C-alpha atoms as a PDB file:
ATOM      1  CA  MET A   1      17.229 -10.610  -1.690  1.00  0.00           C
ATOM      2  CA  LYS A   2      13.885 -12.410  -1.702  1.00  0.00           C
ATOM      3  CA  ILE A   3      10.490 -11.839  -0.103  1.00  0.00           C
ATOM      4  CA  THR A   4       9.929 -14.602   2.457  1.00  0.00           C
ATOM      5  CA  ASP A   5       6.816 -13.600   4.384  1.00  0.00           C
ATOM      6  CA  VAL A   6       3.626 -11.594   4.043  1.00  0.00           C
ATOM      7  CA  LYS A   7       1.113 -10.564   6.695  1.00  0.00           C
ATOM      8  CA  THR A   8      -1.930  -8.321   6.517  1.00  0.00           C
ATOM      9  CA  PHE A   9      -3.595  -6.247   9.216  1.00  0.00           C
ATOM     10  CA  VAL A  10      -7.119  -4.848   9.217  1.00  0.00           C
ATOM     11  CA  VAL A  11      -7.203  -1.929  11.629  1.00  0.00           C
ATOM     12  CA  GLY A  12     -10.502  -0.439  12.763  1.00  0.00           C
ATOM     13  CA  ASN A  13     -10.917   3.305  12.965  1.00  0.00           C
ATOM     14  CA  PRO A  14     -12.955   4.380  15.997  1.00  0.00           C
ATOM     15  CA  PRO A  15     -15.714   6.974  15.725  1.00  0.00           C
ATOM     16  CA  PRO A  16     -16.022   9.459  14.210  1.00  0.00           C
ATOM     17  CA  GLY A  17     -14.179   7.356  11.615  1.00  0.00           C
ATOM     18  CA  ILE A  18     -12.557  10.200   9.699  1.00  0.00           C
ATOM     19  CA  GLY A  19     -10.649   8.607   6.856  1.00  0.00           C
ATOM     20  CA  GLY A  20     -12.812   5.497   6.712  1.00  0.00           C
ATOM     21  CA  ARG A  21     -14.074   2.707   8.952  1.00  0.00           C
ATOM     22  CA  TYR A  22     -10.870   0.687   8.676  1.00  0.00           C
ATOM     23  CA  PHE A  23      -7.407   0.543   7.124  1.00  0.00           C
ATOM     24  CA  ILE A  24      -5.723  -2.451   5.475  1.00  0.00           C
ATOM     25  CA  PHE A  25      -1.948  -2.760   5.842  1.00  0.00           C
ATOM     26  CA  VAL A  26       0.494  -5.315   4.444  1.00  0.00           C
ATOM     27  CA  LYS A  27       3.884  -6.261   5.841  1.00  0.00           C
ATOM     28  CA  LEU A  28       6.527  -7.927   3.663  1.00  0.00           C
ATOM     29  CA  VAL A  29       9.711  -9.444   5.087  1.00  0.00           C
ATOM     30  CA  THR A  30      12.862 -10.330   3.144  1.00  0.00           C
ATOM     31  CA  ASP A  31      15.325 -13.136   3.737  1.00  0.00           C
ATOM     32  CA  GLY A  32      17.672 -10.435   5.089  1.00  0.00           C
ATOM     33  CA  GLY A  33      15.112  -9.302   7.670  1.00  0.00           C
ATOM     34  CA  VAL A  34      14.183  -6.033   5.961  1.00  0.00           C
ATOM     35  CA  VAL A  35      10.512  -5.161   6.506  1.00  0.00           C
ATOM     36  CA  GLY A  36       8.350  -3.110   4.166  1.00  0.00           C
ATOM     37  CA  TYR A  37       4.840  -1.813   4.781  1.00  0.00           C
ATOM     38  CA  GLY A  38       2.099  -0.875   2.341  1.00  0.00           C
ATOM     39  CA  GLU A  39      -1.526   0.201   2.554  1.00  0.00           C
ATOM     40  CA  ALA A  40      -4.425  -0.995   0.435  1.00  0.00           C
ATOM     41  CA  TYR A  41      -7.551   0.792  -0.523  1.00  0.00           C
ATOM     42  CA  ASN A  42     -10.692  -1.289  -0.601  1.00  0.00           C
ATOM     43  CA  ALA A  43     -13.388  -0.859  -3.162  1.00  0.00           C
ATOM     44  CA  THR A  44     -15.769  -3.770  -3.411  1.00  0.00           C
ATOM     45  CA  PHE A  45     -15.080  -6.420  -0.764  1.00  0.00           C
ATOM     46  CA  SER A  46     -14.947  -6.576   3.007  1.00  0.00           C
ATOM     47  CA  PRO A  47     -11.585  -5.600   4.502  1.00  0.00           C
ATOM     48  CA  HIS A  48     -10.849  -9.172   5.612  1.00  0.00           C
ATOM     49  CA  VAL A  49     -11.560 -10.536   2.131  1.00  0.00           C
ATOM     50  CA  THR A  50      -9.284  -7.863   0.659  1.00  0.00           C
ATOM     51  CA  ALA A  51      -6.561  -8.740   3.188  1.00  0.00           C
ATOM     52  CA  ARG A  52      -6.790 -12.384   2.138  1.00  0.00           C
ATOM     53  CA  MET A  53      -6.654 -11.340  -1.539  1.00  0.00           C
ATOM     54  CA  ILE A  54      -3.422  -9.444  -0.824  1.00  0.00           C
ATOM     55  CA  GLU A  55      -1.933 -12.492   0.914  1.00  0.00           C
ATOM     56  CA  ASP A  56      -2.977 -14.759  -1.957  1.00  0.00           C
ATOM     57  CA  MET A  57      -1.496 -12.437  -4.573  1.00  0.00           C
ATOM     58  CA  ALA A  58       1.762 -12.092  -2.623  1.00  0.00           C
ATOM     59  CA  GLU A  59       2.032 -15.852  -2.113  1.00  0.00           C
ATOM     60  CA  ARG A  60       1.507 -16.534  -5.824  1.00  0.00           C
ATOM     61  CA  TYR A  61       3.480 -13.700  -7.429  1.00  0.00           C
ATOM     62  CA  LEU A  62       5.855 -12.112  -4.897  1.00  0.00           C
ATOM     63  CA  VAL A  63       7.088 -14.494  -2.181  1.00  0.00           C
ATOM     64  CA  GLY A  64      10.377 -16.010  -3.327  1.00  0.00           C
ATOM     65  CA  HIS A  65      11.084 -13.093  -5.664  1.00  0.00           C
ATOM     66  CA  ASP A  66      13.266 -10.006  -5.427  1.00  0.00           C
ATOM     67  CA  PRO A  67      11.303  -6.919  -4.263  1.00  0.00           C
ATOM     68  CA  HIS A  68      13.372  -4.797  -6.674  1.00  0.00           C
ATOM     69  CA  ASP A  69      11.577  -6.446  -9.595  1.00  0.00           C
ATOM     70  CA  ILE A  70       8.378  -4.438  -9.192  1.00  0.00           C
ATOM     71  CA  GLU A  71       7.598  -4.257 -12.918  1.00  0.00           C
ATOM     72  CA  THR A  72       7.951  -8.037 -13.257  1.00  0.00           C
ATOM     73  CA  PHE A  73       5.667  -8.555 -10.251  1.00  0.00           C
ATOM     74  CA  PHE A  74       3.117  -6.159 -11.746  1.00  0.00           C
ATOM     75  CA  ARG A  75       3.137  -7.970 -15.089  1.00  0.00           C
ATOM     76  CA  ARG A  76       2.750 -11.390 -13.437  1.00  0.00           C
ATOM     77  CA  ALA A  77      -0.130 -10.178 -11.258  1.00  0.00           C
ATOM     78  CA  TYR A  78      -1.798  -8.108 -14.006  1.00  0.00           C
ATOM     79  CA  SER A  79      -1.659 -10.943 -16.528  1.00  0.00           C
ATOM     80  CA  SER A  80      -2.917 -13.566 -14.098  1.00  0.00           C
ATOM     81  CA  GLY A  81      -6.542 -13.075 -15.082  1.00  0.00           C
ATOM     82  CA  PHE A  82      -8.047 -14.584 -18.203  1.00  0.00           C
ATOM     83  CA  THR A  83      -8.883 -11.202 -19.720  1.00  0.00           C
ATOM     84  CA  GLN A  84      -5.730  -9.416 -18.542  1.00  0.00           C
ATOM     85  CA  ARG A  85      -8.013  -6.632 -17.363  1.00  0.00           C
ATOM     86  CA  PRO A  86      -7.964  -6.789 -13.555  1.00  0.00           C
ATOM     87  CA  ASP A  87     -10.663  -5.087 -11.569  1.00  0.00           C
ATOM     88  CA  VAL A  88     -10.158  -2.259  -9.097  1.00  0.00           C
ATOM     89  CA  SER A  89      -9.864  -4.724  -6.190  1.00  0.00           C
ATOM     90  CA  VAL A  90      -6.941  -6.526  -7.820  1.00  0.00           C
ATOM     91  CA  MET A  91      -5.232  -3.213  -8.482  1.00  0.00           C
ATOM     92  CA  GLY A  92      -5.705  -2.224  -4.837  1.00  0.00           C
ATOM     93  CA  CYS A  93      -3.889  -5.408  -3.818  1.00  0.00           C
ATOM     94  CA  VAL A  94      -1.094  -4.809  -6.336  1.00  0.00           C
ATOM     95  CA  SER A  95      -0.743  -1.225  -5.138  1.00  0.00           C
ATOM     96  CA  ALA A  96      -0.348  -2.235  -1.486  1.00  0.00           C
ATOM     97  CA  LEU A  97       2.307  -4.797  -2.368  1.00  0.00           C
ATOM     98  CA  GLU A  98       4.181  -2.341  -4.590  1.00  0.00           C
ATOM     99  CA  ILE A  99       4.241   0.239  -1.786  1.00  0.00           C
ATOM    100  CA  ALA A 100       5.707  -2.384   0.569  1.00  0.00           C
ATOM    101  CA  CYS A 101       8.343  -3.306  -2.040  1.00  0.00           C
ATOM    102  CA  TRP A 102       9.330   0.356  -2.456  1.00  0.00           C
ATOM    103  CA  ASP A 103       9.593   0.640   1.330  1.00  0.00           C
ATOM    104  CA  ILE A 104      12.035  -2.284   1.332  1.00  0.00           C
ATOM    105  CA  ILE A 105      14.018  -0.853  -1.585  1.00  0.00           C
ATOM    106  CA  GLY A 106      14.323   2.538   0.112  1.00  0.00           C
ATOM    107  CA  LYS A 107      15.461   0.970   3.378  1.00  0.00           C
ATOM    108  CA  GLU A 108      18.036  -1.194   1.580  1.00  0.00           C
ATOM    109  CA  ALA A 109      19.360   1.818  -0.334  1.00  0.00           C
ATOM    110  CA  GLY A 110      19.353   4.022   2.769  1.00  0.00           C
ATOM    111  CA  ARG A 111      17.396   6.638   0.822  1.00  0.00           C
ATOM    112  CA  PRO A 112      13.884   8.047   0.932  1.00  0.00           C
ATOM    113  CA  VAL A 113      11.794   6.514  -1.837  1.00  0.00           C
ATOM    114  CA  HIS A 114      11.120   9.906  -3.427  1.00  0.00           C
ATOM    115  CA  GLN A 115      14.858  10.153  -4.185  1.00  0.00           C
ATOM    116  CA  LEU A 116      14.719   6.799  -5.973  1.00  0.00           C
ATOM    117  CA  LEU A 117      11.766   7.961  -8.067  1.00  0.00           C
ATOM    118  CA  GLY A 118      13.263  11.157  -9.430  1.00  0.00           C
ATOM    119  CA  GLY A 119      13.913  13.339  -6.401  1.00  0.00           C
ATOM    120  CA  ARG A 120      12.229  16.265  -4.722  1.00  0.00           C
ATOM    121  CA  VAL A 121      10.517  18.774  -6.983  1.00  0.00           C
ATOM    122  CA  HIS A 122       8.897  21.114  -4.438  1.00  0.00           C
ATOM    123  CA  GLU A 123       9.985  22.149  -0.956  1.00  0.00           C
ATOM    124  CA  THR A 124       6.369  22.117   0.225  1.00  0.00           C
ATOM    125  CA  LEU A 125       3.112  20.776  -1.163  1.00  0.00           C
ATOM    126  CA  ARG A 126      -0.474  21.474  -0.342  1.00  0.00           C
ATOM    127  CA  THR A 127      -2.228  18.298   0.665  1.00  0.00           C
ATOM    128  CA  TYR A 128      -5.416  16.955  -0.816  1.00  0.00           C
ATOM    129  CA  THR A 129      -7.982  14.726   0.798  1.00  0.00           C
ATOM    130  CA  ASN A 130     -11.299  13.342  -0.286  1.00  0.00           C
ATOM    131  CA  LEU A 131     -11.985  12.212   3.262  1.00  0.00           C
ATOM    132  CA  TYR A 132     -13.889  15.227   4.489  1.00  0.00           C
ATOM    133  CA  PRO A 133     -15.218  14.921   8.023  1.00  0.00           C
ATOM    134  CA  HIS A 134     -18.805  15.664   8.841  1.00  0.00           C
ATOM    135  CA  THR A 135     -19.364  19.210  10.055  1.00  0.00           C
ATOM    136  CA  GLY A 136     -18.570  19.393  13.745  1.00  0.00           C
ATOM    137  CA  SER A 137     -16.837  16.000  13.933  1.00  0.00           C
ATOM    138  CA  ALA A 138     -13.360  17.511  14.100  1.00  0.00           C
ATOM    139  CA  GLU A 139     -12.123  20.788  15.440  1.00  0.00           C
ATOM    140  CA  PRO A 140      -9.952  22.779  13.009  1.00  0.00           C
ATOM    141  CA  SER A 141      -6.525  23.812  14.206  1.00  0.00           C
ATOM    142  CA  GLU A 142      -4.480  26.903  13.432  1.00  0.00           C
ATOM    143  CA  ALA A 143      -2.460  24.768  11.001  1.00  0.00           C
ATOM    144  CA  ASP A 144      -5.624  24.322   8.918  1.00  0.00           C
ATOM    145  CA  ASP A 145      -5.823  28.041   8.159  1.00  0.00           C
ATOM    146  CA  PRO A 146      -4.665  28.914   4.605  1.00  0.00           C
END
């Protein structure tokens, strides 16, 4: 199995913009037609520049390679810079591509990714977010009560 195609999508988030002004997604396709999706965070560049960075990184270090070889991809991408100390933007691109690879691996195995990474530990988890809405921008629901 090899990665054959990569596409990125910058998706705007309409007002009130809870969760950010936009989201950046990546889609990887294998030679067997399996599709994996990942999401990038963006730290220092515009979303379209980040999307192009993801495409560039995938074209150089992932297309033509097996998505199962995530550690090899990481080492190629991480070591691509002169200092071997990539910035947060590079790591955001790597992260999005890794997520898409894990999505492909889980689909190929017919298993949820959490089972491939050690299995379920808790039946339920409390969620965490650092994307707090402005007061009054979202109505709480009964599910939000502790």
